[in-house]
Amino acid sequence: MVNPTIEDADLFVVLWSRSYALSRFCYDETELALRRHAVGEIQLWIINLDGSDIVPPEARALPQAPARTPHALVALVRELLEHAEPARTVPGGE
């Protein structure tokens, strides 16, 4: 069974909302992703689902994309994936 973690990820997608902002677990995940993003280890996408303010100070200056409906979210993710950087390969990995 694969159990990916933020430490193993090449891409972290934040589906930001008021509810997400209230979760300490989501905040912790975002902080870890922000640290990895700051040193170029991970791509970080912030998709704002309800127009609420982005709370973590390091994330406020990052681009965020609005997606207020499920249809808009699917269309946005498809568009982002078309332009995403390829995943890094690990020497000797598959």
C-alpha atoms as a PDB file:
ATOM      1  CA  MET A   1       0.000   0.000   0.000  1.00  0.00           C
ATOM      2  CA  VAL A   2       1.248   3.458  -0.858  1.00  0.00           C
ATOM      3  CA  ASN A   3       1.062   6.012   1.920  1.00  0.00           C
ATOM      4  CA  PRO A   4       2.320   9.289   0.411  1.00  0.00           C
ATOM      5  CA  THR A   5       3.241  12.133   2.690  1.00  0.00           C
ATOM      6  CA  ILE A   6       3.990  15.800   2.170  1.00  0.00           C
ATOM      7  CA  GLU A   7       7.669  14.944   2.576  1.00  0.00           C
ATOM      8  CA  ASP A   8       7.432  12.671  -0.506  1.00  0.00           C
ATOM      9  CA  ALA A   9       5.216  14.881  -2.658  1.00  0.00           C
ATOM     10  CA  ASP A  10       6.202  16.919  -5.703  1.00  0.00           C
ATOM     11  CA  LEU A  11       2.938  18.875  -5.633  1.00  0.00           C
ATOM     12  CA  PHE A  12       0.739  20.061  -2.778  1.00  0.00           C
ATOM     13  CA  VAL A  13      -2.719  21.436  -3.548  1.00  0.00           C
ATOM     14  CA  VAL A  14      -4.440  23.529  -0.898  1.00  0.00           C
ATOM     15  CA  LEU A  15      -8.212  23.698  -1.305  1.00  0.00           C
ATOM     16  CA  TRP A  16      -8.541  26.798   0.856  1.00  0.00           C
ATOM     17  CA  SER A  17     -11.829  27.615   2.577  1.00  0.00           C
ATOM     18  CA  ARG A  18     -13.023  29.018   5.887  1.00  0.00           C
ATOM     19  CA  SER A  19     -13.297  25.454   7.211  1.00  0.00           C
ATOM     20  CA  TYR A  20      -9.755  24.631   6.083  1.00  0.00           C
ATOM     21  CA  ALA A  21      -8.475  27.745   7.849  1.00  0.00           C
ATOM     22  CA  LEU A  22     -10.022  26.570  11.122  1.00  0.00           C
ATOM     23  CA  SER A  23      -8.325  23.169  11.087  1.00  0.00           C
ATOM     24  CA  ARG A  24      -5.033  23.006  12.970  1.00  0.00           C
ATOM     25  CA  PHE A  25      -4.116  19.868  10.995  1.00  0.00           C
ATOM     26  CA  CYS A  26      -4.635  21.648   7.676  1.00  0.00           C
ATOM     27  CA  TYR A  27      -2.612  24.603   8.952  1.00  0.00           C
ATOM     28  CA  ASP A  28       0.246  22.256   9.930  1.00  0.00           C
ATOM     29  CA  GLU A  29       0.181  20.587   6.502  1.00  0.00           C
ATOM     30  CA  THR A  30       0.209  23.955   4.775  1.00  0.00           C
ATOM     31  CA  GLU A  31       3.138  25.168   6.879  1.00  0.00           C
ATOM     32  CA  LEU A  32       5.184  22.098   5.948  1.00  0.00           C
ATOM     33  CA  ALA A  33       4.311  22.526   2.262  1.00  0.00           C
ATOM     34  CA  LEU A  34       5.243  26.232   2.458  1.00  0.00           C
ATOM     35  CA  ARG A  35       8.666  25.377   3.913  1.00  0.00           C
ATOM     36  CA  ARG A  36       9.319  22.849   1.158  1.00  0.00           C
ATOM     37  CA  HIS A  37       8.043  25.277  -1.484  1.00  0.00           C
ATOM     38  CA  ALA A  38      10.343  28.047  -0.221  1.00  0.00           C
ATOM     39  CA  VAL A  39      13.408  25.897  -0.950  1.00  0.00           C
ATOM     40  CA  GLY A  40      12.125  24.619  -4.294  1.00  0.00           C
ATOM     41  CA  GLU A  41      11.312  21.074  -3.226  1.00  0.00           C
ATOM     42  CA  ILE A  42       7.599  21.149  -4.021  1.00  0.00           C
ATOM     43  CA  GLN A  43       5.061  22.924  -6.193  1.00  0.00           C
ATOM     44  CA  LEU A  44       2.297  24.567  -4.172  1.00  0.00           C
ATOM     45  CA  TRP A  45      -1.096  25.416  -5.606  1.00  0.00           C
ATOM     46  CA  ILE A  46      -3.620  27.377  -3.562  1.00  0.00           C
ATOM     47  CA  ILE A  47      -7.182  27.144  -4.812  1.00  0.00           C
ATOM     48  CA  ASN A  48      -9.568  29.394  -2.929  1.00  0.00           C
ATOM     49  CA  LEU A  49     -13.014  27.787  -2.764  1.00  0.00           C
ATOM     50  CA  ASP A  50     -14.965  30.503  -0.967  1.00  0.00           C
ATOM     51  CA  GLY A  51     -13.048  33.778  -1.215  1.00  0.00           C
ATOM     52  CA  SER A  52     -11.902  33.696   2.407  1.00  0.00           C
ATOM     53  CA  ASP A  53      -8.631  35.309   3.442  1.00  0.00           C
ATOM     54  CA  ILE A  54      -5.477  33.216   3.261  1.00  0.00           C
ATOM     55  CA  VAL A  55      -4.179  32.999   6.848  1.00  0.00           C
ATOM     56  CA  PRO A  56      -0.541  31.786   6.814  1.00  0.00           C
ATOM     57  CA  PRO A  57       1.643  34.878   6.221  1.00  0.00           C
ATOM     58  CA  GLU A  58       3.999  33.029   3.851  1.00  0.00           C
ATOM     59  CA  ALA A  59       1.047  31.954   1.692  1.00  0.00           C
ATOM     60  CA  ARG A  60      -0.562  35.380   1.347  1.00  0.00           C
ATOM     61  CA  ALA A  61       1.890  36.544  -1.310  1.00  0.00           C
ATOM     62  CA  LEU A  62       1.587  33.357  -3.376  1.00  0.00           C
ATOM     63  CA  PRO A  63      -0.757  33.205  -6.337  1.00  0.00           C
ATOM     64  CA  GLN A  64      -4.146  31.764  -5.597  1.00  0.00           C
ATOM     65  CA  ALA A  65      -6.826  30.712  -8.015  1.00  0.00           C
ATOM     66  CA  PRO A  66     -10.535  31.011  -7.284  1.00  0.00           C
ATOM     67  CA  ALA A  67     -12.847  28.068  -7.897  1.00  0.00           C
ATOM     68  CA  ARG A  68     -16.290  28.680  -6.435  1.00  0.00           C
ATOM     69  CA  THR A  69     -18.080  25.670  -7.960  1.00  0.00           C
ATOM     70  CA  PRO A  70     -17.167  22.007  -8.443  1.00  0.00           C
ATOM     71  CA  HIS A  71     -17.189  22.531 -12.232  1.00  0.00           C
ATOM     72  CA  ALA A  72     -14.811  25.496 -11.914  1.00  0.00           C
ATOM     73  CA  LEU A  73     -12.518  23.445  -9.645  1.00  0.00           C
ATOM     74  CA  VAL A  74     -12.293  20.573 -12.130  1.00  0.00           C
ATOM     75  CA  ALA A  75     -11.616  22.951 -15.037  1.00  0.00           C
ATOM     76  CA  LEU A  76      -8.958  24.815 -13.067  1.00  0.00           C
ATOM     77  CA  VAL A  77      -7.124  21.657 -11.966  1.00  0.00           C
ATOM     78  CA  ARG A  78      -7.126  20.341 -15.523  1.00  0.00           C
ATOM     79  CA  GLU A  79      -5.644  23.623 -16.752  1.00  0.00           C
ATOM     80  CA  LEU A  80      -3.020  23.673 -14.002  1.00  0.00           C
ATOM     81  CA  LEU A  81      -2.017  20.079 -14.704  1.00  0.00           C
ATOM     82  CA  GLU A  82      -1.456  20.930 -18.364  1.00  0.00           C
ATOM     83  CA  HIS A  83       1.140  23.514 -17.297  1.00  0.00           C
ATOM     84  CA  ALA A  84       2.592  21.706 -14.279  1.00  0.00           C
ATOM     85  CA  GLU A  85       6.297  21.063 -14.088  1.00  0.00           C
ATOM     86  CA  PRO A  86       7.189  17.392 -14.577  1.00  0.00           C
ATOM     87  CA  ALA A  87       7.821  15.407 -11.424  1.00  0.00           C
ATOM     88  CA  ARG A  88      11.435  15.068 -10.394  1.00  0.00           C
ATOM     89  CA  THR A  89      12.926  11.621 -10.879  1.00  0.00           C
ATOM     90  CA  VAL A  90      15.007   9.926  -8.249  1.00  0.00           C
ATOM     91  CA  PRO A  91      18.232   8.359  -9.523  1.00  0.00           C
ATOM     92  CA  GLY A  92      17.771   4.601  -9.508  1.00  0.00           C
ATOM     93  CA  GLY A  93      14.023   4.998  -8.897  1.00  0.00           C
ATOM     94  CA  GLU A  94      11.188   3.931 -11.132  1.00  0.00           C
END
